[in-house]
Amino acid sequence: QVQLVESGGGLVQAGGSLRLSCAASGRTFIGYAMGWFRQTPGEEREFVAAISWSGGSTYYADSVKGRFTISRDSAKNTVFLQMNSLKPEDTAVYYCADRGSYGSLSAIATNYRYWGQGTQVTVSS
């Protein structure tokens, strides 16, 4: 059974930084892209960033480009999201996701098969 466990969320002031981690277990994750999404109450899950298995390709939502950085340590099956210059509108539950199959980087939530439980990020103004 594939498990994704996020950590690193919390409360931070606007302009601050947080680093989210996603630890994956349950199978060998060779070749699969992973991503981060976020969701606020009553809204659709929103794409944040994605990264290829090698880490050589990344893809960001326009709203976070230049502020957030996705990376991964494939040897440790861990994906990270470094979030800098945080804004109140970044407040959301952040989810780690695994495509679970070979494919290109995607901003579409339904292209991801496995999801973590989420971690809350709150940015105060």
PDB file of N, CA and C in Angstrom:
ATOM      1  N   GLN A   1       0.837  -1.176   0.000  1.00  0.00           N
ATOM      2  CA  GLN A   1       0.000   0.000   0.000  1.00  0.00           C
ATOM      3  C   GLN A   1       0.886   1.246   0.000  1.00  0.00           C
ATOM      4  N   VAL A   2       0.681   2.106  -0.980  1.00  0.00           N
ATOM      5  CA  VAL A   2       1.463   3.334  -1.075  1.00  0.00           C
ATOM      6  C   VAL A   2       0.989   4.317  -0.008  1.00  0.00           C
ATOM      7  N   GLN A   3       1.953   4.897   0.688  1.00  0.00           N
ATOM      8  CA  GLN A   3       1.633   5.920   1.678  1.00  0.00           C
ATOM      9  C   GLN A   3       2.471   7.160   1.440  1.00  0.00           C
ATOM     10  N   LEU A   4       1.823   8.312   1.505  1.00  0.00           N
ATOM     11  CA  LEU A   4       2.498   9.601   1.409  1.00  0.00           C
ATOM     12  C   LEU A   4       2.187  10.367   2.686  1.00  0.00           C
ATOM     13  N   VAL A   5       3.222  10.833   3.364  1.00  0.00           N
ATOM     14  CA  VAL A   5       3.035  11.537   4.633  1.00  0.00           C
ATOM     15  C   VAL A   5       3.705  12.891   4.553  1.00  0.00           C
ATOM     16  N   GLU A   6       2.885  13.954   4.634  1.00  0.00           N
ATOM     17  CA  GLU A   6       3.414  15.310   4.592  1.00  0.00           C
ATOM     18  C   GLU A   6       3.750  15.796   5.995  1.00  0.00           C
ATOM     19  N   SER A   7       4.695  16.712   6.056  1.00  0.00           N
ATOM     20  CA  SER A   7       5.046  17.382   7.308  1.00  0.00           C
ATOM     21  C   SER A   7       5.622  18.742   6.989  1.00  0.00           C
ATOM     22  N   GLY A   8       5.718  19.584   8.025  1.00  0.00           N
ATOM     23  CA  GLY A   8       6.352  20.878   7.851  1.00  0.00           C
ATOM     24  C   GLY A   8       5.414  22.061   7.789  1.00  0.00           C
ATOM     25  N   GLY A   9       4.117  21.806   7.808  1.00  0.00           N
ATOM     26  CA  GLY A   9       3.172  22.914   7.791  1.00  0.00           C
ATOM     27  C   GLY A   9       3.168  23.657   9.114  1.00  0.00           C
ATOM     28  N   GLY A  10       2.475  24.787   9.131  1.00  0.00           N
ATOM     29  CA  GLY A  10       2.392  25.565  10.361  1.00  0.00           C
ATOM     30  C   GLY A  10       1.911  26.964  10.100  1.00  0.00           C
ATOM     31  N   LEU A  11       2.094  27.822  11.114  1.00  0.00           N
ATOM     32  CA  LEU A  11       1.686  29.222  11.053  1.00  0.00           C
ATOM     33  C   LEU A  11       2.923  30.085  10.852  1.00  0.00           C
ATOM     34  N   VAL A  12       2.859  30.990   9.879  1.00  0.00           N
ATOM     35  CA  VAL A  12       3.991  31.858   9.588  1.00  0.00           C
ATOM     36  C   VAL A  12       3.458  33.231   9.191  1.00  0.00           C
ATOM     37  N   GLN A  13       4.246  34.256   9.444  1.00  0.00           N
ATOM     38  CA  GLN A  13       3.842  35.598   9.048  1.00  0.00           C
ATOM     39  C   GLN A  13       4.110  35.815   7.567  1.00  0.00           C
ATOM     40  N   ALA A  14       3.369  36.726   6.988  1.00  0.00           N
ATOM     41  CA  ALA A  14       3.580  37.070   5.582  1.00  0.00           C
ATOM     42  C   ALA A  14       5.042  37.472   5.376  1.00  0.00           C
ATOM     43  N   GLY A  15       5.609  36.982   4.277  1.00  0.00           N
ATOM     44  CA  GLY A  15       7.005  37.219   3.979  1.00  0.00           C
ATOM     45  C   GLY A  15       7.941  36.143   4.496  1.00  0.00           C
ATOM     46  N   GLY A  16       7.404  35.267   5.322  1.00  0.00           N
ATOM     47  CA  GLY A  16       8.207  34.201   5.895  1.00  0.00           C
ATOM     48  C   GLY A  16       8.338  32.993   4.984  1.00  0.00           C
ATOM     49  N   SER A  17       8.951  31.940   5.524  1.00  0.00           N
ATOM     50  CA  SER A  17       9.223  30.730   4.751  1.00  0.00           C
ATOM     51  C   SER A  17       8.818  29.485   5.527  1.00  0.00           C
ATOM     52  N   LEU A  18       8.486  28.450   4.777  1.00  0.00           N
ATOM     53  CA  LEU A  18       8.253  27.120   5.310  1.00  0.00           C
ATOM     54  C   LEU A  18       8.782  26.102   4.320  1.00  0.00           C
ATOM     55  N   ARG A  19       9.164  24.941   4.827  1.00  0.00           N
ATOM     56  CA  ARG A  19       9.591  23.849   3.962  1.00  0.00           C
ATOM     57  C   ARG A  19       8.745  22.626   4.265  1.00  0.00           C
ATOM     58  N   LEU A  20       7.990  22.193   3.279  1.00  0.00           N
ATOM     59  CA  LEU A  20       7.174  21.001   3.415  1.00  0.00           C
ATOM     60  C   LEU A  20       7.949  19.786   2.925  1.00  0.00           C
ATOM     61  N   SER A  21       7.705  18.657   3.583  1.00  0.00           N
ATOM     62  CA  SER A  21       8.303  17.392   3.176  1.00  0.00           C
ATOM     63  C   SER A  21       7.202  16.367   2.937  1.00  0.00           C
ATOM     64  N   CYS A  22       7.472  15.445   2.042  1.00  0.00           N
ATOM     65  CA  CYS A  22       6.544  14.348   1.756  1.00  0.00           C
ATOM     66  C   CYS A  22       7.349  13.065   1.675  1.00  0.00           C
ATOM     67  N   ALA A  23       7.147  12.196   2.632  1.00  0.00           N
ATOM     68  CA  ALA A  23       7.847  10.918   2.669  1.00  0.00           C
ATOM     69  C   ALA A  23       6.955   9.836   2.081  1.00  0.00           C
ATOM     70  N   ALA A  24       7.477   9.124   1.101  1.00  0.00           N
ATOM     71  CA  ALA A  24       6.715   8.093   0.398  1.00  0.00           C
ATOM     72  C   ALA A  24       7.206   6.711   0.779  1.00  0.00           C
ATOM     73  N   SER A  25       6.284   5.772   0.875  1.00  0.00           N
ATOM     74  CA  SER A  25       6.650   4.397   1.193  1.00  0.00           C
ATOM     75  C   SER A  25       5.637   3.450   0.558  1.00  0.00           C
ATOM     76  N   GLY A  26       5.991   2.198   0.507  1.00  0.00           N
ATOM     77  CA  GLY A  26       5.051   1.183   0.056  1.00  0.00           C
ATOM     78  C   GLY A  26       5.392   0.533  -1.261  1.00  0.00           C
ATOM     79  N   ARG A  27       6.262   1.140  -2.028  1.00  0.00           N
ATOM     80  CA  ARG A  27       6.702   0.532  -3.284  1.00  0.00           C
ATOM     81  C   ARG A  27       7.945   1.270  -3.739  1.00  0.00           C
ATOM     82  N   THR A  28       8.512   0.828  -4.819  1.00  0.00           N
ATOM     83  CA  THR A  28       9.642   1.525  -5.417  1.00  0.00           C
ATOM     84  C   THR A  28       9.120   2.627  -6.319  1.00  0.00           C
ATOM     85  N   PHE A  29       9.602   3.833  -6.132  1.00  0.00           N
ATOM     86  CA  PHE A  29       9.041   4.989  -6.812  1.00  0.00           C
ATOM     87  C   PHE A  29       9.826   5.396  -8.045  1.00  0.00           C
ATOM     88  N   ILE A  30      10.480   4.440  -8.644  1.00  0.00           N
ATOM     89  CA  ILE A  30      11.305   4.749  -9.799  1.00  0.00           C
ATOM     90  C   ILE A  30      10.442   5.186 -10.971  1.00  0.00           C
ATOM     91  N   GLY A  31      10.771   6.351 -11.519  1.00  0.00           N
ATOM     92  CA  GLY A  31      10.171   6.781 -12.771  1.00  0.00           C
ATOM     93  C   GLY A  31       8.943   7.638 -12.679  1.00  0.00           C
ATOM     94  N   TYR A  32       8.383   7.818 -11.497  1.00  0.00           N
ATOM     95  CA  TYR A  32       7.099   8.511 -11.415  1.00  0.00           C
ATOM     96  C   TYR A  32       7.270   9.956 -10.966  1.00  0.00           C
ATOM     97  N   ALA A  33       6.526  10.838 -11.633  1.00  0.00           N
ATOM     98  CA  ALA A  33       6.509  12.230 -11.225  1.00  0.00           C
ATOM     99  C   ALA A  33       5.678  12.406  -9.953  1.00  0.00           C
ATOM    100  N   MET A  34       5.979  13.466  -9.232  1.00  0.00           N
ATOM    101  CA  MET A  34       5.209  13.787  -8.039  1.00  0.00           C
ATOM    102  C   MET A  34       4.879  15.270  -8.039  1.00  0.00           C
ATOM    103  N   GLY A  35       3.894  15.630  -7.229  1.00  0.00           N
ATOM    104  CA  GLY A  35       3.473  17.023  -7.227  1.00  0.00           C
ATOM    105  C   GLY A  35       2.935  17.461  -5.875  1.00  0.00           C
ATOM    106  N   TRP A  36       2.727  18.761  -5.794  1.00  0.00           N
ATOM    107  CA  TRP A  36       2.080  19.373  -4.635  1.00  0.00           C
ATOM    108  C   TRP A  36       0.837  20.122  -5.116  1.00  0.00           C
ATOM    109  N   PHE A  37      -0.223  19.974  -4.371  1.00  0.00           N
ATOM    110  CA  PHE A  37      -1.462  20.708  -4.609  1.00  0.00           C
ATOM    111  C   PHE A  37      -1.877  21.369  -3.300  1.00  0.00           C
ATOM    112  N   ARG A  38      -2.825  22.295  -3.376  1.00  0.00           N
ATOM    113  CA  ARG A  38      -3.346  22.920  -2.165  1.00  0.00           C
ATOM    114  C   ARG A  38      -4.838  23.142  -2.318  1.00  0.00           C
ATOM    115  N   GLN A  39      -5.499  23.244  -1.168  1.00  0.00           N
ATOM    116  CA  GLN A  39      -6.947  23.385  -1.191  1.00  0.00           C
ATOM    117  C   GLN A  39      -7.414  24.211   0.000  1.00  0.00           C
ATOM    118  N   THR A  40      -8.342  25.114  -0.272  1.00  0.00           N
ATOM    119  CA  THR A  40      -9.002  25.877   0.781  1.00  0.00           C
ATOM    120  C   THR A  40     -10.462  25.443   0.829  1.00  0.00           C
ATOM    121  N   PRO A  41     -11.126  25.655   1.960  1.00  0.00           N
ATOM    122  CA  PRO A  41     -12.511  25.196   2.111  1.00  0.00           C
ATOM    123  C   PRO A  41     -13.428  25.730   1.011  1.00  0.00           C
ATOM    124  N   GLY A  42     -14.185  24.831   0.417  1.00  0.00           N
ATOM    125  CA  GLY A  42     -15.133  25.207  -0.613  1.00  0.00           C
ATOM    126  C   GLY A  42     -14.546  25.414  -1.990  1.00  0.00           C
ATOM    127  N   GLU A  43     -13.238  25.198  -2.122  1.00  0.00           N
ATOM    128  CA  GLU A  43     -12.582  25.402  -3.406  1.00  0.00           C
ATOM    129  C   GLU A  43     -12.059  24.088  -3.975  1.00  0.00           C
ATOM    130  N   GLU A  44     -11.810  24.099  -5.285  1.00  0.00           N
ATOM    131  CA  GLU A  44     -11.195  22.945  -5.932  1.00  0.00           C
ATOM    132  C   GLU A  44      -9.727  22.830  -5.502  1.00  0.00           C
ATOM    133  N   ARG A  45      -9.224  21.609  -5.576  1.00  0.00           N
ATOM    134  CA  ARG A  45      -7.807  21.411  -5.291  1.00  0.00           C
ATOM    135  C   ARG A  45      -6.994  22.090  -6.397  1.00  0.00           C
ATOM    136  N   GLU A  46      -6.004  22.869  -5.996  1.00  0.00           N
ATOM    137  CA  GLU A  46      -5.243  23.710  -6.921  1.00  0.00           C
ATOM    138  C   GLU A  46      -3.812  23.205  -7.066  1.00  0.00           C
ATOM    139  N   PHE A  47      -3.357  23.127  -8.293  1.00  0.00           N
ATOM    140  CA  PHE A  47      -1.985  22.705  -8.562  1.00  0.00           C
ATOM    141  C   PHE A  47      -1.001  23.744  -8.057  1.00  0.00           C
ATOM    142  N   VAL A  48       0.108  23.270  -7.475  1.00  0.00           N
ATOM    143  CA  VAL A  48       1.176  24.148  -7.007  1.00  0.00           C
ATOM    144  C   VAL A  48       2.468  23.898  -7.791  1.00  0.00           C
ATOM    145  N   ALA A  49       2.930  22.656  -7.793  1.00  0.00           N
ATOM    146  CA  ALA A  49       4.201  22.347  -8.454  1.00  0.00           C
ATOM    147  C   ALA A  49       4.295  20.850  -8.703  1.00  0.00           C
ATOM    148  N   ALA A  50       5.131  20.476  -9.678  1.00  0.00           N
ATOM    149  CA  ALA A  50       5.377  19.072  -9.974  1.00  0.00           C
ATOM    150  C   ALA A  50       6.846  18.896 -10.333  1.00  0.00           C
ATOM    151  N   ILE A  51       7.321  17.652 -10.160  1.00  0.00           N
ATOM    152  CA  ILE A  51       8.722  17.358 -10.428  1.00  0.00           C
ATOM    153  C   ILE A  51       8.850  15.962 -11.016  1.00  0.00           C
ATOM    154  N   SER A  52       9.765  15.810 -11.956  1.00  0.00           N
ATOM    155  CA  SER A  52      10.009  14.517 -12.563  1.00  0.00           C
ATOM    156  C   SER A  52      10.761  13.602 -11.608  1.00  0.00           C
ATOM    157  N   TRP A  53      10.840  12.322 -11.972  1.00  0.00           N
ATOM    158  CA  TRP A  53      11.548  11.366 -11.118  1.00  0.00           C
ATOM    159  C   TRP A  53      13.003  11.784 -10.908  1.00  0.00           C
ATOM    160  N   SER A  54      13.651  12.220 -11.959  1.00  0.00           N
ATOM    161  CA  SER A  54      15.062  12.587 -11.866  1.00  0.00           C
ATOM    162  C   SER A  54      15.266  13.915 -11.151  1.00  0.00           C
ATOM    163  N   GLY A  55      14.201  14.709 -11.071  1.00  0.00           N
ATOM    164  CA  GLY A  55      14.331  16.046 -10.528  1.00  0.00           C
ATOM    165  C   GLY A  55      14.789  17.064 -11.557  1.00  0.00           C
ATOM    166  N   GLY A  56      15.051  16.611 -12.766  1.00  0.00           N
ATOM    167  CA  GLY A  56      15.561  17.503 -13.797  1.00  0.00           C
ATOM    168  C   GLY A  56      14.514  18.392 -14.429  1.00  0.00           C
ATOM    169  N   SER A  57      13.252  18.031 -14.261  1.00  0.00           N
ATOM    170  CA  SER A  57      12.168  18.842 -14.818  1.00  0.00           C
ATOM    171  C   SER A  57      11.212  19.233 -13.703  1.00  0.00           C
ATOM    172  N   THR A  58      10.839  20.502 -13.710  1.00  0.00           N
ATOM    173  CA  THR A  58       9.882  21.003 -12.737  1.00  0.00           C
ATOM    174  C   THR A  58       8.837  21.861 -13.446  1.00  0.00           C
ATOM    175  N   TYR A  59       7.731  22.053 -12.780  1.00  0.00           N
ATOM    176  CA  TYR A  59       6.606  22.780 -13.362  1.00  0.00           C
ATOM    177  C   TYR A  59       5.878  23.462 -12.214  1.00  0.00           C
ATOM    178  N   TYR A  60       5.591  24.774 -12.379  1.00  0.00           N
ATOM    179  CA  TYR A  60       4.993  25.544 -11.302  1.00  0.00           C
ATOM    180  C   TYR A  60       3.740  26.270 -11.763  1.00  0.00           C
ATOM    181  N   ALA A  61       2.838  26.443 -10.834  1.00  0.00           N
ATOM    182  CA  ALA A  61       1.713  27.333 -11.074  1.00  0.00           C
ATOM    183  C   ALA A  61       2.236  28.762 -11.127  1.00  0.00           C
ATOM    184  N   ASP A  62       1.617  29.597 -11.938  1.00  0.00           N
ATOM    185  CA  ASP A  62       2.060  30.985 -12.069  1.00  0.00           C
ATOM    186  C   ASP A  62       2.028  31.709 -10.720  1.00  0.00           C
ATOM    187  N   SER A  63       1.088  31.334  -9.874  1.00  0.00           N
ATOM    188  CA  SER A  63       0.912  32.035  -8.599  1.00  0.00           C
ATOM    189  C   SER A  63       2.063  31.819  -7.625  1.00  0.00           C
ATOM    190  N   VAL A  64       2.869  30.785  -7.847  1.00  0.00           N
ATOM    191  CA  VAL A  64       3.964  30.489  -6.911  1.00  0.00           C
ATOM    192  C   VAL A  64       5.336  30.565  -7.580  1.00  0.00           C
ATOM    193  N   LYS A  65       5.361  30.758  -8.882  1.00  0.00           N
ATOM    194  CA  LYS A  65       6.625  30.775  -9.621  1.00  0.00           C
ATOM    195  C   LYS A  65       7.531  31.867  -9.078  1.00  0.00           C
ATOM    196  N   GLY A  66       8.782  31.514  -8.811  1.00  0.00           N
ATOM    197  CA  GLY A  66       9.742  32.467  -8.273  1.00  0.00           C
ATOM    198  C   GLY A  66       9.753  32.533  -6.759  1.00  0.00           C
ATOM    199  N   ARG A  67       8.753  31.952  -6.112  1.00  0.00           N
ATOM    200  CA  ARG A  67       8.689  31.958  -4.641  1.00  0.00           C
ATOM    201  C   ARG A  67       8.831  30.551  -4.069  1.00  0.00           C
ATOM    202  N   PHE A  68       8.282  29.559  -4.762  1.00  0.00           N
ATOM    203  CA  PHE A  68       8.314  28.175  -4.284  1.00  0.00           C
ATOM    204  C   PHE A  68       9.296  27.363  -5.126  1.00  0.00           C
ATOM    205  N   THR A  69       9.927  26.378  -4.487  1.00  0.00           N
ATOM    206  CA  THR A  69      10.833  25.474  -5.182  1.00  0.00           C
ATOM    207  C   THR A  69      10.528  24.042  -4.784  1.00  0.00           C
ATOM    208  N   ILE A  70      10.274  23.202  -5.780  1.00  0.00           N
ATOM    209  CA  ILE A  70      10.049  21.773  -5.528  1.00  0.00           C
ATOM    210  C   ILE A  70      11.347  21.030  -5.798  1.00  0.00           C
ATOM    211  N   SER A  71      11.625  20.042  -4.970  1.00  0.00           N
ATOM    212  CA  SER A  71      12.822  19.224  -5.153  1.00  0.00           C
ATOM    213  C   SER A  71      12.526  17.828  -4.611  1.00  0.00           C
ATOM    214  N   ARG A  72      13.425  16.909  -4.887  1.00  0.00           N
ATOM    215  CA  ARG A  72      13.210  15.554  -4.377  1.00  0.00           C
ATOM    216  C   ARG A  72      14.537  14.871  -4.116  1.00  0.00           C
ATOM    217  N   ASP A  73      14.504  13.957  -3.168  1.00  0.00           N
ATOM    218  CA  ASP A  73      15.622  13.068  -2.880  1.00  0.00           C
ATOM    219  C   ASP A  73      15.093  11.663  -3.191  1.00  0.00           C
ATOM    220  N   SER A  74      15.337  11.225  -4.414  1.00  0.00           N
ATOM    221  CA  SER A  74      14.746   9.960  -4.856  1.00  0.00           C
ATOM    222  C   SER A  74      15.290   8.777  -4.072  1.00  0.00           C
ATOM    223  N   ALA A  75      16.531   8.874  -3.629  1.00  0.00           N
ATOM    224  CA  ALA A  75      17.112   7.780  -2.842  1.00  0.00           C
ATOM    225  C   ALA A  75      16.355   7.586  -1.535  1.00  0.00           C
ATOM    226  N   LYS A  76      15.774   8.678  -1.028  1.00  0.00           N
ATOM    227  CA  LYS A  76      15.028   8.615   0.220  1.00  0.00           C
ATOM    228  C   LYS A  76      13.523   8.680   0.002  1.00  0.00           C
ATOM    229  N   ASN A  77      13.094   8.644  -1.262  1.00  0.00           N
ATOM    230  CA  ASN A  77      11.662   8.706  -1.581  1.00  0.00           C
ATOM    231  C   ASN A  77      10.984   9.883  -0.898  1.00  0.00           C
ATOM    232  N   THR A  78      11.609  11.037  -0.971  1.00  0.00           N
ATOM    233  CA  THR A  78      11.088  12.231  -0.311  1.00  0.00           C
ATOM    234  C   THR A  78      11.035  13.395  -1.289  1.00  0.00           C
ATOM    235  N   VAL A  79       9.941  14.132  -1.241  1.00  0.00           N
ATOM    236  CA  VAL A  79       9.763  15.326  -2.059  1.00  0.00           C
ATOM    237  C   VAL A  79       9.609  16.522  -1.120  1.00  0.00           C
ATOM    238  N   PHE A  80      10.165  17.647  -1.536  1.00  0.00           N
ATOM    239  CA  PHE A  80      10.145  18.842  -0.703  1.00  0.00           C
ATOM    240  C   PHE A  80       9.476  20.002  -1.453  1.00  0.00           C
ATOM    241  N   LEU A  81       8.923  20.921  -0.691  1.00  0.00           N
ATOM    242  CA  LEU A  81       8.419  22.169  -1.255  1.00  0.00           C
ATOM    243  C   LEU A  81       8.914  23.310  -0.372  1.00  0.00           C
ATOM    244  N   GLN A  82       9.896  24.037  -0.870  1.00  0.00           N
ATOM    245  CA  GLN A  82      10.402  25.214  -0.172  1.00  0.00           C
ATOM    246  C   GLN A  82       9.548  26.404  -0.556  1.00  0.00           C
ATOM    247  N   MET A  83       8.945  27.026   0.441  1.00  0.00           N
ATOM    248  CA  MET A  83       8.028  28.135   0.184  1.00  0.00           C
ATOM    249  C   MET A  83       8.599  29.400   0.815  1.00  0.00           C
ATOM    250  N   ASN A  84       8.940  30.370  -0.015  1.00  0.00           N
ATOM    251  CA  ASN A  84       9.492  31.648   0.445  1.00  0.00           C
ATOM    252  C   ASN A  84       8.522  32.782   0.107  1.00  0.00           C
ATOM    253  N   SER A  85       8.738  33.911   0.743  1.00  0.00           N
ATOM    254  CA  SER A  85       7.908  35.108   0.496  1.00  0.00           C
ATOM    255  C   SER A  85       6.425  34.760   0.552  1.00  0.00           C
ATOM    256  N   LEU A  86       6.053  34.071   1.597  1.00  0.00           N
ATOM    257  CA  LEU A  86       4.674  33.595   1.710  1.00  0.00           C
ATOM    258  C   LEU A  86       3.694  34.750   1.852  1.00  0.00           C
ATOM    259  N   LYS A  87       2.511  34.551   1.275  1.00  0.00           N
ATOM    260  CA  LYS A  87       1.450  35.544   1.294  1.00  0.00           C
ATOM    261  C   LYS A  87       0.212  34.939   1.979  1.00  0.00           C
ATOM    262  N   PRO A  88      -0.653  35.778   2.511  1.00  0.00           N
ATOM    263  CA  PRO A  88      -1.880  35.240   3.135  1.00  0.00           C
ATOM    264  C   PRO A  88      -2.682  34.354   2.182  1.00  0.00           C
ATOM    265  N   GLU A  89      -2.658  34.661   0.893  1.00  0.00           N
ATOM    266  CA  GLU A  89      -3.402  33.851  -0.068  1.00  0.00           C
ATOM    267  C   GLU A  89      -2.782  32.478  -0.306  1.00  0.00           C
ATOM    268  N   ASP A  90      -1.614  32.226   0.269  1.00  0.00           N
ATOM    269  CA  ASP A  90      -1.027  30.882   0.203  1.00  0.00           C
ATOM    270  C   ASP A  90      -1.604  29.967   1.285  1.00  0.00           C
ATOM    271  N   THR A  91      -2.411  30.513   2.181  1.00  0.00           N
ATOM    272  CA  THR A  91      -3.021  29.719   3.234  1.00  0.00           C
ATOM    273  C   THR A  91      -3.902  28.638   2.641  1.00  0.00           C
ATOM    274  N   ALA A  92      -3.648  27.381   3.027  1.00  0.00           N
ATOM    275  CA  ALA A  92      -4.382  26.243   2.484  1.00  0.00           C
ATOM    276  C   ALA A  92      -3.883  24.969   3.156  1.00  0.00           C
ATOM    277  N   VAL A  93      -4.575  23.880   2.881  1.00  0.00           N
ATOM    278  CA  VAL A  93      -4.038  22.554   3.188  1.00  0.00           C
ATOM    279  C   VAL A  93      -3.244  22.110   1.967  1.00  0.00           C
ATOM    280  N   TYR A  94      -2.012  21.724   2.186  1.00  0.00           N
ATOM    281  CA  TYR A  94      -1.117  21.329   1.096  1.00  0.00           C
ATOM    282  C   TYR A  94      -1.022  19.804   1.055  1.00  0.00           C
ATOM    283  N   TYR A  95      -1.191  19.267  -0.157  1.00  0.00           N
ATOM    284  CA  TYR A  95      -1.188  17.818  -0.366  1.00  0.00           C
ATOM    285  C   TYR A  95      -0.055  17.414  -1.297  1.00  0.00           C
ATOM    286  N   CYS A  96       0.601  16.330  -0.932  1.00  0.00           N
ATOM    287  CA  CYS A  96       1.585  15.691  -1.787  1.00  0.00           C
ATOM    288  C   CYS A  96       0.863  14.640  -2.634  1.00  0.00           C
ATOM    289  N   ALA A  97       1.299  14.468  -3.883  1.00  0.00           N
ATOM    290  CA  ALA A  97       0.638  13.513  -4.767  1.00  0.00           C
ATOM    291  C   ALA A  97       1.655  12.786  -5.632  1.00  0.00           C
ATOM    292  N   ASP A  98       1.343  11.555  -5.958  1.00  0.00           N
ATOM    293  CA  ASP A  98       2.206  10.698  -6.773  1.00  0.00           C
ATOM    294  C   ASP A  98       1.404  10.246  -7.994  1.00  0.00           C
ATOM    295  N   ARG A  99       1.975  10.385  -9.175  1.00  0.00           N
ATOM    296  CA  ARG A  99       1.247   9.990 -10.392  1.00  0.00           C
ATOM    297  C   ARG A  99       0.918   8.501 -10.379  1.00  0.00           C
ATOM    298  N   GLY A 100       1.797   7.691  -9.789  1.00  0.00           N
ATOM    299  CA  GLY A 100       1.525   6.265  -9.723  1.00  0.00           C
ATOM    300  C   GLY A 100       1.671   5.546 -11.044  1.00  0.00           C
ATOM    301  N   SER A 101       2.154   6.240 -12.064  1.00  0.00           N
ATOM    302  CA  SER A 101       2.381   5.633 -13.371  1.00  0.00           C
ATOM    303  C   SER A 101       3.295   6.574 -14.155  1.00  0.00           C
ATOM    304  N   TYR A 102       3.832   6.063 -15.242  1.00  0.00           N
ATOM    305  CA  TYR A 102       4.702   6.901 -16.063  1.00  0.00           C
ATOM    306  C   TYR A 102       3.868   7.955 -16.792  1.00  0.00           C
ATOM    307  N   GLY A 103       4.405   9.154 -16.870  1.00  0.00           N
ATOM    308  CA  GLY A 103       3.694  10.215 -17.555  1.00  0.00           C
ATOM    309  C   GLY A 103       4.403  11.536 -17.349  1.00  0.00           C
ATOM    310  N   SER A 104       3.993  12.528 -18.110  1.00  0.00           N
ATOM    311  CA  SER A 104       4.625  13.842 -18.037  1.00  0.00           C
ATOM    312  C   SER A 104       4.157  14.584 -16.787  1.00  0.00           C
ATOM    313  N   LEU A 105       4.826  15.681 -16.486  1.00  0.00           N
ATOM    314  CA  LEU A 105       4.404  16.515 -15.382  1.00  0.00           C
ATOM    315  C   LEU A 105       3.004  17.044 -15.674  1.00  0.00           C
ATOM    316  N   SER A 106       2.183  17.084 -14.659  1.00  0.00           N
ATOM    317  CA  SER A 106       0.786  17.450 -14.883  1.00  0.00           C
ATOM    318  C   SER A 106       0.275  18.352 -13.775  1.00  0.00           C
ATOM    319  N   ALA A 107      -0.581  19.286 -14.157  1.00  0.00           N
ATOM    320  CA  ALA A 107      -1.258  20.158 -13.195  1.00  0.00           C
ATOM    321  C   ALA A 107      -2.674  19.675 -12.891  1.00  0.00           C
ATOM    322  N   ILE A 108      -3.039  18.525 -13.432  1.00  0.00           N
ATOM    323  CA  ILE A 108      -4.400  18.005 -13.290  1.00  0.00           C
ATOM    324  C   ILE A 108      -4.441  16.996 -12.148  1.00  0.00           C
ATOM    325  N   ALA A 109      -5.261  17.261 -11.161  1.00  0.00           N
ATOM    326  CA  ALA A 109      -5.295  16.431  -9.963  1.00  0.00           C
ATOM    327  C   ALA A 109      -5.682  14.985 -10.260  1.00  0.00           C
ATOM    328  N   THR A 110      -6.556  14.775 -11.214  1.00  0.00           N
ATOM    329  CA  THR A 110      -7.011  13.413 -11.514  1.00  0.00           C
ATOM    330  C   THR A 110      -5.934  12.554 -12.174  1.00  0.00           C
ATOM    331  N   ASN A 111      -4.830  13.169 -12.581  1.00  0.00           N
ATOM    332  CA  ASN A 111      -3.712  12.400 -13.133  1.00  0.00           C
ATOM    333  C   ASN A 111      -2.827  11.798 -12.052  1.00  0.00           C
ATOM    334  N   TYR A 112      -3.107  12.126 -10.795  1.00  0.00           N
ATOM    335  CA  TYR A 112      -2.320  11.626  -9.673  1.00  0.00           C
ATOM    336  C   TYR A 112      -3.125  10.550  -8.942  1.00  0.00           C
ATOM    337  N   ARG A 113      -2.472   9.427  -8.720  1.00  0.00           N
ATOM    338  CA  ARG A 113      -3.184   8.276  -8.156  1.00  0.00           C
ATOM    339  C   ARG A 113      -3.146   8.237  -6.638  1.00  0.00           C
ATOM    340  N   TYR A 114      -2.044   8.666  -6.044  1.00  0.00           N
ATOM    341  CA  TYR A 114      -1.882   8.556  -4.601  1.00  0.00           C
ATOM    342  C   TYR A 114      -1.735   9.945  -3.981  1.00  0.00           C
ATOM    343  N   TRP A 115      -2.338  10.087  -2.800  1.00  0.00           N
ATOM    344  CA  TRP A 115      -2.357  11.373  -2.115  1.00  0.00           C
ATOM    345  C   TRP A 115      -2.016  11.213  -0.642  1.00  0.00           C
ATOM    346  N   GLY A 116      -1.361  12.234  -0.086  1.00  0.00           N
ATOM    347  CA  GLY A 116      -1.145  12.283   1.345  1.00  0.00           C
ATOM    348  C   GLY A 116      -2.367  12.835   2.059  1.00  0.00           C
ATOM    349  N   GLN A 117      -2.262  12.935   3.363  1.00  0.00           N
ATOM    350  CA  GLN A 117      -3.385  13.385   4.178  1.00  0.00           C
ATOM    351  C   GLN A 117      -3.463  14.911   4.267  1.00  0.00           C
ATOM    352  N   GLY A 118      -2.406  15.585   3.863  1.00  0.00           N
ATOM    353  CA  GLY A 118      -2.399  17.039   3.864  1.00  0.00           C
ATOM    354  C   GLY A 118      -1.762  17.630   5.103  1.00  0.00           C
ATOM    355  N   THR A 119      -1.213  18.828   4.943  1.00  0.00           N
ATOM    356  CA  THR A 119      -0.651  19.570   6.063  1.00  0.00           C
ATOM    357  C   THR A 119      -1.085  21.035   5.924  1.00  0.00           C
ATOM    358  N   GLN A 120      -1.513  21.610   7.034  1.00  0.00           N
ATOM    359  CA  GLN A 120      -2.059  22.964   7.013  1.00  0.00           C
ATOM    360  C   GLN A 120      -0.943  24.002   6.997  1.00  0.00           C
ATOM    361  N   VAL A 121      -1.063  24.953   6.105  1.00  0.00           N
ATOM    362  CA  VAL A 121      -0.172  26.117   6.063  1.00  0.00           C
ATOM    363  C   VAL A 121      -1.044  27.360   6.245  1.00  0.00           C
ATOM    364  N   THR A 122      -0.722  28.157   7.246  1.00  0.00           N
ATOM    365  CA  THR A 122      -1.464  29.376   7.524  1.00  0.00           C
ATOM    366  C   THR A 122      -0.492  30.548   7.518  1.00  0.00           C
ATOM    367  N   VAL A 123      -0.782  31.539   6.687  1.00  0.00           N
ATOM    368  CA  VAL A 123       0.069  32.728   6.576  1.00  0.00           C
ATOM    369  C   VAL A 123      -0.726  33.918   7.092  1.00  0.00           C
ATOM    370  N   SER A 124      -0.228  34.528   8.146  1.00  0.00           N
ATOM    371  CA  SER A 124      -0.919  35.670   8.740  1.00  0.00           C
ATOM    372  C   SER A 124      -0.408  36.972   8.141  1.00  0.00           C
ATOM    373  N   SER A 125      -1.299  37.951   8.061  1.00  0.00           N
ATOM    374  CA  SER A 125      -0.916  39.234   7.458  1.00  0.00           C
ATOM    375  C   SER A 125      -0.361  40.194   8.502  1.00  0.00           C
TER     376      SER A 125
END
